[in-house]
Amino acid sequence: MSRLREAKEKEALYRRRHQQPFEAFEETVQQGTEDFEQWDEYLEWKAYRNVRRDLEENE
């Protein structure tokens, strides 16, 4: 339960920080100029998203 809560909180943090949903941020990162800080955030956000999905599927 705590891992699921943590993943949801991290996703919400990234959504607030970037003021857009994951899909829009993903498109921005993939089509924009190379920005390593954004790329790192994208990878972290994607990982938390995948963890949340996996945990929700296995409940």
Protein backbone atom coordinates (compact mmCIF):
# COMPACT_ATOMS: atom_id res chain seq x y z
CA MET A 1 0.00 0.00 0.00
CA SER A 2 2.73 2.50 0.86
CA ARG A 3 4.52 1.97 -2.47
CA LEU A 4 1.28 2.69 -4.32
CA ARG A 5 0.68 5.83 -2.30
CA GLU A 6 4.26 7.00 -2.89
CA ALA A 7 3.97 6.44 -6.65
CA LYS A 8 0.69 8.39 -6.79
CA GLU A 9 2.18 11.26 -4.77
CA LYS A 10 5.24 11.44 -7.02
CA GLU A 11 3.06 11.47 -10.13
CA ALA A 12 1.00 14.31 -8.67
CA LEU A 13 4.19 16.21 -7.86
CA TYR A 14 5.43 15.96 -11.44
CA ARG A 15 2.00 16.92 -12.80
CA ARG A 16 1.96 20.06 -10.62
CA ARG A 17 5.60 20.91 -11.34
CA HIS A 18 5.17 20.73 -15.11
CA GLN A 19 1.52 21.84 -15.16
CA GLN A 20 0.58 19.16 -17.67
CA PRO A 21 -0.25 15.46 -17.81
CA PHE A 22 2.44 12.85 -18.41
CA GLU A 23 1.57 12.35 -22.09
CA ALA A 24 2.00 16.05 -22.90
CA PHE A 25 5.31 16.21 -21.01
CA GLU A 26 6.52 13.07 -22.77
CA GLU A 27 5.79 14.63 -26.15
CA THR A 28 7.56 17.86 -25.16
CA VAL A 29 10.67 15.99 -24.02
CA GLN A 30 10.83 13.75 -27.05
CA GLN A 31 10.32 16.56 -29.57
CA GLY A 32 12.24 19.33 -27.84
CA THR A 33 15.89 20.18 -27.75
CA GLU A 34 18.08 17.92 -25.65
CA ASP A 35 17.56 18.94 -22.02
CA PHE A 36 19.10 16.43 -19.63
CA GLU A 37 17.23 17.75 -16.60
CA GLN A 38 13.88 17.33 -18.37
CA TRP A 39 14.93 13.91 -19.64
CA ASP A 40 15.79 12.79 -16.08
CA GLU A 41 12.42 14.02 -14.81
CA TYR A 42 10.68 12.25 -17.67
CA LEU A 43 12.39 8.95 -16.84
CA GLU A 44 11.56 9.26 -13.13
CA TRP A 45 7.94 10.20 -13.83
CA LYS A 46 7.60 7.30 -16.28
CA ALA A 47 9.04 4.88 -13.71
CA TYR A 48 6.60 6.01 -10.99
CA ARG A 49 3.77 5.75 -13.50
CA ASN A 50 4.76 2.18 -14.37
CA VAL A 51 5.09 1.22 -10.69
CA ARG A 52 1.62 2.62 -9.97
CA ARG A 53 0.08 0.74 -12.88
CA ASP A 54 1.76 -2.53 -11.90
CA LEU A 55 0.65 -2.21 -8.28
CA GLU A 56 -2.91 -1.35 -9.24
CA GLU A 57 -3.09 -4.34 -11.59
CA ASN A 58 -1.86 -6.71 -8.87
CA GLU A 59 -4.24 -5.57 -6.14
